Amino acid sequence: MSKQEAEKFFDKLEKDSKLQVMIRQGLEKLAKDAGYDATEDELTAELTKRWKCKLPAHPIYSEPPGF
């Protein structure tokens, strides 16, 4: 995916409530598949907390824990 495509995706994500729901549900499924019992709301709250602080230049959220 090009940088421009990534930007377009996040631009759409900011406005598209259906896509937002898909992301949140996918995050919960990913966590559960990796053995974590966290709800969609709990995961969203944790991501919000982490993204509000300054993160390293390349945080790894693309892989489930343990991989």
N, C-alpha and C. Protein backbone atom coordinates (compact mmCIF):
# COMPACT_ATOMS: atom_id res chain seq x y z
N MET A 1 0.85 -1.17 0.00
CA MET A 1 0.00 0.00 0.00
C MET A 1 0.90 1.24 0.00
N SER A 2 0.61 2.15 -0.87
CA SER A 2 1.39 3.37 -0.91
C SER A 2 1.00 4.30 0.24
N LYS A 3 1.86 5.26 0.51
CA LYS A 3 1.57 6.23 1.56
C LYS A 3 0.26 6.95 1.28
N GLN A 4 0.01 7.28 0.02
CA GLN A 4 -1.22 7.98 -0.35
C GLN A 4 -2.44 7.10 -0.09
N GLU A 5 -2.33 5.82 -0.38
CA GLU A 5 -3.44 4.91 -0.13
C GLU A 5 -3.70 4.78 1.36
N ALA A 6 -2.64 4.73 2.16
CA ALA A 6 -2.80 4.66 3.61
C ALA A 6 -3.50 5.92 4.12
N GLU A 7 -3.12 7.07 3.60
CA GLU A 7 -3.77 8.32 4.00
C GLU A 7 -5.24 8.32 3.61
N LYS A 8 -5.55 7.84 2.40
CA LYS A 8 -6.94 7.77 1.95
C LYS A 8 -7.76 6.86 2.86
N PHE A 9 -7.16 5.72 3.25
CA PHE A 9 -7.85 4.78 4.13
C PHE A 9 -8.21 5.46 5.45
N PHE A 10 -7.25 6.15 6.07
CA PHE A 10 -7.52 6.78 7.36
C PHE A 10 -8.45 7.98 7.22
N ASP A 11 -8.40 8.67 6.08
CA ASP A 11 -9.37 9.74 5.84
C ASP A 11 -10.78 9.17 5.81
N LYS A 12 -10.93 8.04 5.13
CA LYS A 12 -12.24 7.39 5.06
C LYS A 12 -12.65 6.85 6.43
N LEU A 13 -11.70 6.25 7.14
CA LEU A 13 -11.98 5.69 8.45
C LEU A 13 -12.51 6.75 9.41
N GLU A 14 -11.99 7.96 9.32
CA GLU A 14 -12.44 9.05 10.20
C GLU A 14 -13.90 9.41 9.96
N LYS A 15 -14.43 9.15 8.77
CA LYS A 15 -15.78 9.58 8.40
C LYS A 15 -16.79 8.45 8.27
N ASP A 16 -16.33 7.23 8.09
CA ASP A 16 -17.20 6.10 7.77
C ASP A 16 -17.49 5.26 9.02
N SER A 17 -18.68 5.41 9.58
CA SER A 17 -19.00 4.70 10.83
C SER A 17 -19.03 3.19 10.64
N LYS A 18 -19.43 2.71 9.48
CA LYS A 18 -19.44 1.26 9.23
C LYS A 18 -18.01 0.70 9.25
N LEU A 19 -17.10 1.42 8.65
CA LEU A 19 -15.70 0.99 8.64
C LEU A 19 -15.12 1.03 10.05
N GLN A 20 -15.50 2.03 10.83
CA GLN A 20 -15.05 2.13 12.22
C GLN A 20 -15.50 0.90 13.02
N VAL A 21 -16.74 0.49 12.82
CA VAL A 21 -17.26 -0.69 13.52
C VAL A 21 -16.48 -1.93 13.09
N MET A 22 -16.20 -2.06 11.81
CA MET A 22 -15.43 -3.21 11.31
C MET A 22 -14.06 -3.27 11.96
N ILE A 23 -13.40 -2.12 12.10
CA ILE A 23 -12.07 -2.07 12.72
C ILE A 23 -12.15 -2.50 14.18
N ARG A 24 -13.12 -1.94 14.91
CA ARG A 24 -13.24 -2.27 16.34
C ARG A 24 -13.56 -3.76 16.54
N GLN A 25 -14.47 -4.29 15.74
CA GLN A 25 -14.82 -5.70 15.87
C GLN A 25 -13.64 -6.59 15.48
N GLY A 26 -12.90 -6.17 14.47
CA GLY A 26 -11.73 -6.93 14.05
C GLY A 26 -10.65 -6.93 15.12
N LEU A 27 -10.50 -5.81 15.81
CA LEU A 27 -9.52 -5.72 16.89
C LEU A 27 -9.89 -6.66 18.04
N GLU A 28 -11.18 -6.70 18.38
CA GLU A 28 -11.61 -7.61 19.45
C GLU A 28 -11.39 -9.06 19.05
N LYS A 29 -11.70 -9.42 17.82
CA LYS A 29 -11.49 -10.79 17.35
C LYS A 29 -10.02 -11.14 17.37
N LEU A 30 -9.19 -10.23 16.94
CA LEU A 30 -7.74 -10.44 16.94
C LEU A 30 -7.24 -10.71 18.35
N ALA A 31 -7.69 -9.89 19.30
CA ALA A 31 -7.27 -10.08 20.70
C ALA A 31 -7.74 -11.43 21.23
N LYS A 32 -8.99 -11.77 20.98
CA LYS A 32 -9.53 -13.05 21.47
C LYS A 32 -8.80 -14.23 20.83
N ASP A 33 -8.53 -14.15 19.54
CA ASP A 33 -7.80 -15.22 18.84
C ASP A 33 -6.38 -15.38 19.39
N ALA A 34 -5.83 -14.31 19.93
CA ALA A 34 -4.49 -14.35 20.50
C ALA A 34 -4.50 -14.73 21.98
N GLY A 35 -5.70 -15.00 22.51
CA GLY A 35 -5.80 -15.48 23.89
C GLY A 35 -6.07 -14.41 24.93
N TYR A 36 -6.48 -13.23 24.50
CA TYR A 36 -6.76 -12.14 25.44
C TYR A 36 -8.27 -11.92 25.54
N ASP A 37 -8.76 -11.81 26.77
CA ASP A 37 -10.19 -11.62 27.00
C ASP A 37 -10.48 -10.15 27.25
N ALA A 38 -10.44 -9.36 26.19
CA ALA A 38 -10.69 -7.93 26.29
C ALA A 38 -11.83 -7.58 25.34
N THR A 39 -12.68 -6.67 25.78
CA THR A 39 -13.81 -6.26 24.95
C THR A 39 -13.37 -5.20 23.95
N GLU A 40 -14.23 -4.98 22.99
CA GLU A 40 -14.01 -3.93 21.99
C GLU A 40 -13.81 -2.59 22.67
N ASP A 41 -14.64 -2.27 23.66
CA ASP A 41 -14.53 -0.99 24.37
C ASP A 41 -13.22 -0.88 25.14
N GLU A 42 -12.81 -1.95 25.78
CA GLU A 42 -11.55 -1.94 26.54
C GLU A 42 -10.35 -1.75 25.62
N LEU A 43 -10.36 -2.43 24.50
CA LEU A 43 -9.27 -2.30 23.53
C LEU A 43 -9.22 -0.90 22.92
N THR A 44 -10.39 -0.36 22.59
CA THR A 44 -10.45 0.99 22.04
C THR A 44 -9.93 2.00 23.04
N ALA A 45 -10.31 1.85 24.31
CA ALA A 45 -9.83 2.77 25.35
C ALA A 45 -8.31 2.70 25.50
N GLU A 46 -7.77 1.50 25.46
CA GLU A 46 -6.32 1.35 25.60
C GLU A 46 -5.58 1.95 24.40
N LEU A 47 -6.09 1.71 23.20
CA LEU A 47 -5.45 2.31 22.02
C LEU A 47 -5.53 3.83 22.07
N THR A 48 -6.67 4.36 22.48
CA THR A 48 -6.82 5.81 22.59
C THR A 48 -5.81 6.37 23.57
N LYS A 49 -5.65 5.71 24.71
CA LYS A 49 -4.69 6.15 25.72
C LYS A 49 -3.27 6.13 25.14
N ARG A 50 -2.92 5.07 24.45
CA ARG A 50 -1.57 4.94 23.91
C ARG A 50 -1.31 5.93 22.78
N TRP A 51 -2.31 6.16 21.93
CA TRP A 51 -2.11 7.05 20.80
C TRP A 51 -2.10 8.50 21.21
N LYS A 52 -2.63 8.83 22.37
CA LYS A 52 -2.59 10.22 22.85
C LYS A 52 -1.21 10.60 23.35
N CYS A 53 -0.43 9.62 23.80
CA CYS A 53 0.93 9.92 24.25
C CYS A 53 1.87 9.82 23.06
N LYS A 54 3.09 10.28 23.22
CA LYS A 54 4.06 10.20 22.13
C LYS A 54 4.59 8.77 22.06
N LEU A 55 4.42 8.19 20.90
CA LEU A 55 4.86 6.82 20.67
C LEU A 55 6.19 6.83 19.91
N PRO A 56 6.91 5.71 19.97
CA PRO A 56 8.10 5.60 19.13
C PRO A 56 7.73 5.80 17.66
N ALA A 57 8.69 6.12 16.86
CA ALA A 57 8.43 6.41 15.45
C ALA A 57 7.73 5.26 14.73
N HIS A 58 8.00 4.02 15.13
CA HIS A 58 7.42 2.87 14.44
C HIS A 58 6.83 1.88 15.43
N PRO A 59 5.72 2.23 16.11
CA PRO A 59 5.12 1.26 17.02
C PRO A 59 4.57 0.08 16.21
N ILE A 60 4.59 -1.07 16.80
CA ILE A 60 4.12 -2.26 16.08
C ILE A 60 2.73 -2.63 16.58
N TYR A 61 1.71 -2.25 15.82
CA TYR A 61 0.34 -2.66 16.10
C TYR A 61 -0.16 -3.58 15.00
N SER A 62 0.72 -3.94 14.08
CA SER A 62 0.28 -4.73 12.95
C SER A 62 0.36 -6.23 13.22
N GLU A 63 0.94 -6.63 14.34
CA GLU A 63 1.05 -8.05 14.66
C GLU A 63 0.41 -8.32 16.01
N PRO A 64 -0.33 -9.43 16.12
CA PRO A 64 -0.91 -9.75 17.42
C PRO A 64 0.20 -10.09 18.42
N PRO A 65 -0.05 -9.87 19.71
CA PRO A 65 0.96 -10.20 20.72
C PRO A 65 1.39 -11.65 20.63
N GLY A 66 2.65 -11.89 20.81
CA GLY A 66 3.16 -13.26 20.80
C GLY A 66 3.64 -13.74 19.45
N PHE A 67 3.50 -12.92 18.40
CA PHE A 67 3.92 -13.35 17.09
C PHE A 67 5.21 -12.66 16.70
